[in-house]
C-alpha atoms as a PDB file:
ATOM      1  CA  THR A   1      87.751  85.333   4.912  1.00  0.00           C
ATOM      2  CA  LYS A   2      90.326  82.549   5.133  1.00  0.00           C
ATOM      3  CA  CYS A   3      90.323  79.019   6.493  1.00  0.00           C
ATOM      4  CA  PHE A   4      92.069  79.045   9.880  1.00  0.00           C
ATOM      5  CA  ILE A   5      93.686  75.665   9.198  1.00  0.00           C
ATOM      6  CA  CYS A   6      95.049  76.062   5.660  1.00  0.00           C
ATOM      7  CA  GLY A   7      94.779  79.812   5.109  1.00  0.00           C
ATOM      8  CA  ILE A   8      93.109  79.456   1.725  1.00  0.00           C
ATOM      9  CA  GLY A   9      90.619  82.245   1.121  1.00  0.00           C
ATOM     10  CA  ASN A  10      86.942  81.909   0.345  1.00  0.00           C
ATOM     11  CA  ASP A  11      87.634  83.451  -3.083  1.00  0.00           C
ATOM     12  CA  TYR A  12      89.224  80.125  -4.095  1.00  0.00           C
ATOM     13  CA  PHE A  13      86.360  78.063  -2.688  1.00  0.00           C
ATOM     14  CA  ASP A  14      83.844  80.184  -4.591  1.00  0.00           C
ATOM     15  CA  THR A  15      85.337  78.725  -7.783  1.00  0.00           C
ATOM     16  CA  VAL A  16      85.131  75.030  -6.845  1.00  0.00           C
ATOM     17  CA  PRO A  17      82.244  72.730  -5.864  1.00  0.00           C
ATOM     18  CA  HIS A  18      80.857  72.753  -2.310  1.00  0.00           C
ATOM     19  CA  GLY A  19      82.265  76.143  -1.270  1.00  0.00           C
ATOM     20  CA  PHE A  20      83.974  77.674   1.713  1.00  0.00           C
ATOM     21  CA  GLU A  21      81.398  76.692   4.328  1.00  0.00           C
ATOM     22  CA  THR A  22      81.654  72.991   3.508  1.00  0.00           C
ATOM     23  CA  HIS A  23      85.439  73.269   3.579  1.00  0.00           C
ATOM     24  CA  THR A  24      85.586  74.902   7.022  1.00  0.00           C
ATOM     25  CA  LEU A  25      82.838  72.776   8.563  1.00  0.00           C
ATOM     26  CA  GLN A  26      83.739  69.357   7.166  1.00  0.00           C
ATOM     27  CA  GLU A  27      87.239  69.320   5.705  1.00  0.00           C
ATOM     28  CA  HIS A  28      89.180  71.691   7.966  1.00  0.00           C
ATOM     29  CA  ASN A  29      86.975  71.956  11.012  1.00  0.00           C
ATOM     30  CA  LEU A  30      88.921  73.867  13.669  1.00  0.00           C
ATOM     31  CA  ALA A  31      87.129  72.013  16.468  1.00  0.00           C
ATOM     32  CA  ASN A  32      88.386  68.670  15.104  1.00  0.00           C
ATOM     33  CA  TYR A  33      91.977  69.892  15.240  1.00  0.00           C
ATOM     34  CA  LEU A  34      91.510  71.197  18.789  1.00  0.00           C
ATOM     35  CA  PHE A  35      89.823  67.972  19.917  1.00  0.00           C
ATOM     36  CA  PHE A  36      92.685  65.959  18.435  1.00  0.00           C
ATOM     37  CA  LEU A  37      95.246  68.036  20.334  1.00  0.00           C
ATOM     38  CA  MET A  38      93.240  67.638  23.550  1.00  0.00           C
ATOM     39  CA  TYR A  39      93.079  63.896  22.886  1.00  0.00           C
ATOM     40  CA  LEU A  40      96.881  63.789  22.583  1.00  0.00           C
ATOM     41  CA  ILE A  41      97.347  65.879  25.729  1.00  0.00           C
ATOM     42  CA  ASN A  42      95.241  63.415  27.715  1.00  0.00           C
ATOM     43  CA  LYS A  43      96.624  60.217  26.172  1.00  0.00           C
ATOM     44  CA  ASP A  44      99.639  58.460  27.660  1.00  0.00           C
ATOM     45  CA  GLU A  45     102.606  59.101  25.357  1.00  0.00           C
ATOM     46  CA  THR A  46     103.497  55.402  25.420  1.00  0.00           C
ATOM     47  CA  GLU A  47     100.142  54.696  23.763  1.00  0.00           C
ATOM     48  CA  HIS A  48     100.594  57.125  20.829  1.00  0.00           C
ATOM     49  CA  THR A  49     100.567  55.766  17.300  1.00  0.00           C
ATOM     50  CA  GLY A  50     103.319  56.852  14.922  1.00  0.00           C
ATOM     51  CA  GLN A  51     101.224  59.709  13.546  1.00  0.00           C
ATOM     52  CA  GLU A  52     100.159  60.801  17.017  1.00  0.00           C
ATOM     53  CA  SER A  53     103.784  60.792  18.185  1.00  0.00           C
ATOM     54  CA  TYR A  54     104.758  62.974  15.235  1.00  0.00           C
ATOM     55  CA  VAL A  55     102.040  65.554  15.925  1.00  0.00           C
ATOM     56  CA  TRP A  56     102.657  65.410  19.694  1.00  0.00           C
ATOM     57  CA  LYS A  57     106.378  66.117  19.226  1.00  0.00           C
ATOM     58  CA  MET A  58     105.631  69.036  16.935  1.00  0.00           C
ATOM     59  CA  TYR A  59     103.006  70.383  19.344  1.00  0.00           C
ATOM     60  CA  GLN A  60     105.473  70.244  22.236  1.00  0.00           C
ATOM     61  CA  GLU A  61     107.999  72.182  20.132  1.00  0.00           C
ATOM     62  CA  ARG A  62     105.281  74.689  19.143  1.00  0.00           C
ATOM     63  CA  CYS A  63     105.919  73.786  15.522  1.00  0.00           C
ATOM     64  CA  TRP A  64     102.699  73.948  13.531  1.00  0.00           C
ATOM     65  CA  GLU A  65     103.964  72.413  10.290  1.00  0.00           C
ATOM     66  CA  PHE A  66     101.501  69.540  10.624  1.00  0.00           C
ATOM     67  CA  PHE A  67      98.783  72.027   9.688  1.00  0.00           C
ATOM     68  CA  PRO A  68      98.245  71.906   5.902  1.00  0.00           C
ATOM     69  CA  ALA A  69      99.203  75.554   5.287  1.00  0.00           C
ATOM     70  CA  GLY A  70      98.114  76.631   1.817  1.00  0.00           C
ATOM     71  CA  ASP A  71      96.819  73.195   0.905  1.00  0.00           C
ATOM     72  CA  CYS A  72      93.799  70.910   1.108  1.00  0.00           C
ATOM     73  CA  PHE A  73      92.643  67.731  -0.612  1.00  0.00           C
ATOM     74  CA  ARG A  74      90.150  69.600  -2.758  1.00  0.00           C
ATOM     75  CA  LYS A  75      92.856  71.954  -4.047  1.00  0.00           C
ATOM     76  CA  GLN A  76      95.121  68.990  -4.804  1.00  0.00           C
ATOM     77  CA  TYR A  77      92.252  67.312  -6.669  1.00  0.00           C
ATOM     78  CA  GLU A  78      91.399  70.448  -8.655  1.00  0.00           C
ATOM     79  CA  ASP A  79      95.088  70.966  -9.495  1.00  0.00           C
ATOM     80  CA  GLN A  80      95.289  67.396 -10.856  1.00  0.00           C
ATOM     81  CA  LEU A  81      92.252  68.008 -13.056  1.00  0.00           C
ATOM     82  CA  ASN A  82      93.874  71.072 -14.589  1.00  0.00           C
END
């Protein structure tokens, strides 16, 4: 099983605190990403913040690079510890 957002497998999360379920429910919750995109779709473009404008532009171009592919804060933290 892999996280839909970052693609990191549950085998990695079995080796770090809190596990795969916490990661997919709290850190990379798919519903949060979908809600954010729906929020941007329904918000006037002139009201977007800088970050919202960036994601909105990428969404319109069907470029998904704003998703943290292969990365997450916990992995960055664990990498710094090692």
